[in-house]
Amino acid sequence: MIVKLVRNALGLVIVSVDVLTRWSRVKRTPEAQQKVAQAAQGMTLYHFFACPFCVKTRRAIHKLRVPIEKRSAVQGSPHREELIQGGGKVQVPCLRIQHSDGREEWLYESKQIIGYLNDQFGPA
C-alpha cells in the first residue's frame, strides 16, 4: 500500500515537471505538418500516465508534433488486452505501427521508439 502511494506521488511529480518544462516544438509548414499527420495515422502509443519512460516518449512526440493516438494500458483497460494480443506482453511504452502494406510492428523500448520517430519525423 505504501509503495503504491509513493509510486503514485512520484508519478504525479514527474508528470507535473514534464508539463512545466516542455521545450519548443518542431516548426513545419502546414503542408509538411499534414504529411506528418498522414504518416502517423497508423501509429498508436500504449502507455501508463506516470511511467517515466512513457513521459520521455510523450515528450519526444510533443516536440516532433506527431499526432499519435495514445492509449492507456492500465489494468482493466481494453487497450491492455490489445497490447497483450498484438505485442505479446504488457510493457510500456509501446508504439504500434500499422504499415501501409498491412503488417504491424511493435516497438517496446522508449529509446528505440524515440529513435524511430526522430528518423521518420525529425528535422532534416
C-alpha atoms as a PDB file:
ATOM      1  CA  MET A   1       0.000   0.000   0.000  1.00  0.00           C
ATOM      2  CA  ILE A   2       2.752   2.449   0.931  1.00  0.00           C
ATOM      3  CA  VAL A   3       4.773   1.533  -2.163  1.00  0.00           C
ATOM      4  CA  LYS A   4       1.758   2.234  -4.380  1.00  0.00           C
ATOM      5  CA  LEU A   5       1.197   5.589  -2.652  1.00  0.00           C
ATOM      6  CA  VAL A   6       4.863   6.597  -3.097  1.00  0.00           C
ATOM      7  CA  ARG A   7       4.847   5.439  -6.743  1.00  0.00           C
ATOM      8  CA  ASN A   8       1.702   7.455  -7.481  1.00  0.00           C
ATOM      9  CA  ALA A   9       3.091  10.550  -5.747  1.00  0.00           C
ATOM     10  CA  LEU A  10       6.376  10.316  -7.670  1.00  0.00           C
ATOM     11  CA  GLY A  11       4.464   9.773 -10.891  1.00  0.00           C
ATOM     12  CA  LEU A  12       2.459  12.940 -10.276  1.00  0.00           C
ATOM     13  CA  VAL A  13       5.680  14.885  -9.675  1.00  0.00           C
ATOM     14  CA  ILE A  14       7.247  13.509 -12.872  1.00  0.00           C
ATOM     15  CA  VAL A  15       4.197  14.399 -14.968  1.00  0.00           C
ATOM     16  CA  SER A  16       3.998  17.878 -13.425  1.00  0.00           C
ATOM     17  CA  VAL A  17       7.667  18.570 -14.161  1.00  0.00           C
ATOM     18  CA  ASP A  18       7.135  17.298 -17.713  1.00  0.00           C
ATOM     19  CA  VAL A  19       4.261  19.689 -18.354  1.00  0.00           C
ATOM     20  CA  LEU A  20       6.130  22.648 -16.850  1.00  0.00           C
ATOM     21  CA  THR A  21       9.389  22.060 -18.733  1.00  0.00           C
ATOM     22  CA  ARG A  22       8.334  21.074 -22.241  1.00  0.00           C
ATOM     23  CA  TRP A  23      10.688  22.516 -24.828  1.00  0.00           C
ATOM     24  CA  SER A  24       9.836  24.145 -28.123  1.00  0.00           C
ATOM     25  CA  ARG A  25       8.279  22.119 -30.885  1.00  0.00           C
ATOM     26  CA  VAL A  26       9.499  21.434 -34.414  1.00  0.00           C
ATOM     27  CA  LYS A  27       8.285  24.088 -36.840  1.00  0.00           C
ATOM     28  CA  ARG A  28       6.790  22.937 -40.138  1.00  0.00           C
ATOM     29  CA  THR A  29       4.730  24.419 -42.925  1.00  0.00           C
ATOM     30  CA  PRO A  30       1.038  23.439 -42.820  1.00  0.00           C
ATOM     31  CA  GLU A  31       1.623  21.182 -45.834  1.00  0.00           C
ATOM     32  CA  ALA A  32       4.531  19.406 -44.153  1.00  0.00           C
ATOM     33  CA  GLN A  33       2.538  19.010 -40.938  1.00  0.00           C
ATOM     34  CA  GLN A  34      -0.311  17.471 -42.943  1.00  0.00           C
ATOM     35  CA  LYS A  35       2.126  14.891 -44.363  1.00  0.00           C
ATOM     36  CA  VAL A  36       3.303  14.086 -40.835  1.00  0.00           C
ATOM     37  CA  ALA A  37      -0.299  13.637 -39.707  1.00  0.00           C
ATOM     38  CA  GLN A  38      -0.988  11.274 -42.599  1.00  0.00           C
ATOM     39  CA  ALA A  39       2.142   9.239 -41.883  1.00  0.00           C
ATOM     40  CA  ALA A  40       1.211   8.972 -38.195  1.00  0.00           C
ATOM     41  CA  GLN A  41      -2.332   7.714 -38.809  1.00  0.00           C
ATOM     42  CA  GLY A  42      -1.252   4.097 -38.406  1.00  0.00           C
ATOM     43  CA  MET A  43       0.579   4.685 -35.111  1.00  0.00           C
ATOM     44  CA  THR A  44      -0.660   4.099 -31.590  1.00  0.00           C
ATOM     45  CA  LEU A  45       1.244   4.596 -28.334  1.00  0.00           C
ATOM     46  CA  TYR A  46       0.321   2.326 -25.424  1.00  0.00           C
ATOM     47  CA  HIS A  47       1.423   3.931 -22.175  1.00  0.00           C
ATOM     48  CA  PHE A  48       0.951   4.449 -18.444  1.00  0.00           C
ATOM     49  CA  PHE A  49       0.316   8.044 -17.422  1.00  0.00           C
ATOM     50  CA  ALA A  50       3.046   8.373 -14.777  1.00  0.00           C
ATOM     51  CA  CYS A  51       5.681   5.976 -16.147  1.00  0.00           C
ATOM     52  CA  PRO A  52       8.979   7.909 -16.550  1.00  0.00           C
ATOM     53  CA  PHE A  53       9.809   6.127 -19.824  1.00  0.00           C
ATOM     54  CA  CYS A  54       6.332   6.896 -21.152  1.00  0.00           C
ATOM     55  CA  VAL A  55       6.733  10.553 -20.157  1.00  0.00           C
ATOM     56  CA  LYS A  56      10.069  10.637 -22.017  1.00  0.00           C
ATOM     57  CA  THR A  57       8.406   9.152 -25.110  1.00  0.00           C
ATOM     58  CA  ARG A  58       5.417  11.526 -24.951  1.00  0.00           C
ATOM     59  CA  ARG A  59       7.835  14.475 -24.658  1.00  0.00           C
ATOM     60  CA  ALA A  60       9.528  13.403 -27.902  1.00  0.00           C
ATOM     61  CA  ILE A  61       6.132  13.036 -29.607  1.00  0.00           C
ATOM     62  CA  HIS A  62       5.180  16.520 -28.392  1.00  0.00           C
ATOM     63  CA  LYS A  63       8.463  18.026 -29.580  1.00  0.00           C
ATOM     64  CA  LEU A  64       8.156  16.428 -33.026  1.00  0.00           C
ATOM     65  CA  ARG A  65       4.471  17.424 -33.326  1.00  0.00           C
ATOM     66  CA  VAL A  66       3.422  13.933 -34.333  1.00  0.00           C
ATOM     67  CA  PRO A  67      -0.307  13.334 -33.753  1.00  0.00           C
ATOM     68  CA  ILE A  68      -0.116   9.766 -32.446  1.00  0.00           C
ATOM     69  CA  GLU A  69      -3.130   8.198 -30.773  1.00  0.00           C
ATOM     70  CA  LYS A  70      -2.369   7.412 -27.138  1.00  0.00           C
ATOM     71  CA  ARG A  71      -3.989   4.527 -25.276  1.00  0.00           C
ATOM     72  CA  SER A  72      -3.699   3.848 -21.578  1.00  0.00           C
ATOM     73  CA  ALA A  73      -2.749   0.241 -20.831  1.00  0.00           C
ATOM     74  CA  VAL A  74      -3.664   0.298 -17.131  1.00  0.00           C
ATOM     75  CA  GLN A  75      -5.036  -2.833 -15.549  1.00  0.00           C
ATOM     76  CA  GLY A  76      -8.660  -3.395 -16.553  1.00  0.00           C
ATOM     77  CA  SER A  77      -8.379  -1.348 -19.747  1.00  0.00           C
ATOM     78  CA  PRO A  78      -9.408  -2.942 -23.054  1.00  0.00           C
ATOM     79  CA  HIS A  79      -6.267  -1.374 -24.515  1.00  0.00           C
ATOM     80  CA  ARG A  80      -4.191  -3.559 -22.210  1.00  0.00           C
ATOM     81  CA  GLU A  81      -5.708  -6.619 -23.868  1.00  0.00           C
ATOM     82  CA  GLU A  82      -4.927  -5.169 -27.321  1.00  0.00           C
ATOM     83  CA  LEU A  83      -1.316  -4.733 -26.212  1.00  0.00           C
ATOM     84  CA  ILE A  84      -1.091  -8.335 -24.996  1.00  0.00           C
ATOM     85  CA  GLN A  85      -2.770  -9.747 -28.109  1.00  0.00           C
ATOM     86  CA  GLY A  86      -0.762  -7.681 -30.588  1.00  0.00           C
ATOM     87  CA  GLY A  87       2.618  -7.216 -28.991  1.00  0.00           C
ATOM     88  CA  GLY A  88       2.663 -10.262 -26.764  1.00  0.00           C
ATOM     89  CA  LYS A  89       3.422  -8.593 -23.442  1.00  0.00           C
ATOM     90  CA  VAL A  90       2.412  -5.785 -21.116  1.00  0.00           C
ATOM     91  CA  GLN A  91       5.359  -3.434 -21.355  1.00  0.00           C
ATOM     92  CA  VAL A  92       5.100   0.285 -21.902  1.00  0.00           C
ATOM     93  CA  PRO A  93       5.784   2.468 -23.704  1.00  0.00           C
ATOM     94  CA  CYS A  94       4.903   0.507 -26.804  1.00  0.00           C
ATOM     95  CA  LEU A  95       4.458   2.029 -30.241  1.00  0.00           C
ATOM     96  CA  ARG A  96       2.253   0.039 -32.612  1.00  0.00           C
ATOM     97  CA  ILE A  97       2.995   0.855 -36.244  1.00  0.00           C
ATOM     98  CA  GLN A  98       0.491  -0.251 -38.870  1.00  0.00           C
ATOM     99  CA  HIS A  99       2.434  -0.160 -42.140  1.00  0.00           C
ATOM    100  CA  SER A 100       0.721   0.609 -45.438  1.00  0.00           C
ATOM    101  CA  ASP A 101       1.394  -2.954 -46.645  1.00  0.00           C
ATOM    102  CA  GLY A 102      -0.727  -4.303 -43.767  1.00  0.00           C
ATOM    103  CA  ARG A 103       1.990  -5.600 -41.456  1.00  0.00           C
ATOM    104  CA  GLU A 104       2.226  -4.484 -37.828  1.00  0.00           C
ATOM    105  CA  GLU A 105       5.342  -3.587 -35.900  1.00  0.00           C
ATOM    106  CA  TRP A 106       5.511  -3.233 -32.112  1.00  0.00           C
ATOM    107  CA  LEU A 107       8.375  -1.154 -30.656  1.00  0.00           C
ATOM    108  CA  TYR A 108       8.813  -1.526 -26.896  1.00  0.00           C
ATOM    109  CA  GLU A 109      11.810   0.486 -25.724  1.00  0.00           C
ATOM    110  CA  SER A 110      11.497   4.259 -25.257  1.00  0.00           C
ATOM    111  CA  LYS A 111      14.941   4.802 -26.790  1.00  0.00           C
ATOM    112  CA  GLN A 112      14.003   2.687 -29.826  1.00  0.00           C
ATOM    113  CA  ILE A 113      10.634   4.468 -30.194  1.00  0.00           C
ATOM    114  CA  ILE A 114      12.201   7.932 -29.961  1.00  0.00           C
ATOM    115  CA  GLY A 115      14.916   6.953 -32.451  1.00  0.00           C
ATOM    116  CA  TYR A 116      12.308   5.706 -34.903  1.00  0.00           C
ATOM    117  CA  LEU A 117      10.230   8.882 -34.523  1.00  0.00           C
ATOM    118  CA  ASN A 118      13.301  11.086 -34.988  1.00  0.00           C
ATOM    119  CA  ASP A 119      14.221   9.159 -38.140  1.00  0.00           C
ATOM    120  CA  GLN A 120      10.705   9.481 -39.543  1.00  0.00           C
ATOM    121  CA  PHE A 121       9.711  12.976 -38.403  1.00  0.00           C
ATOM    122  CA  GLY A 122      12.797  14.778 -37.124  1.00  0.00           C
ATOM    123  CA  PRO A 123      14.189  17.925 -38.705  1.00  0.00           C
ATOM    124  CA  ALA A 124      16.157  17.198 -41.850  1.00  0.00           C
END
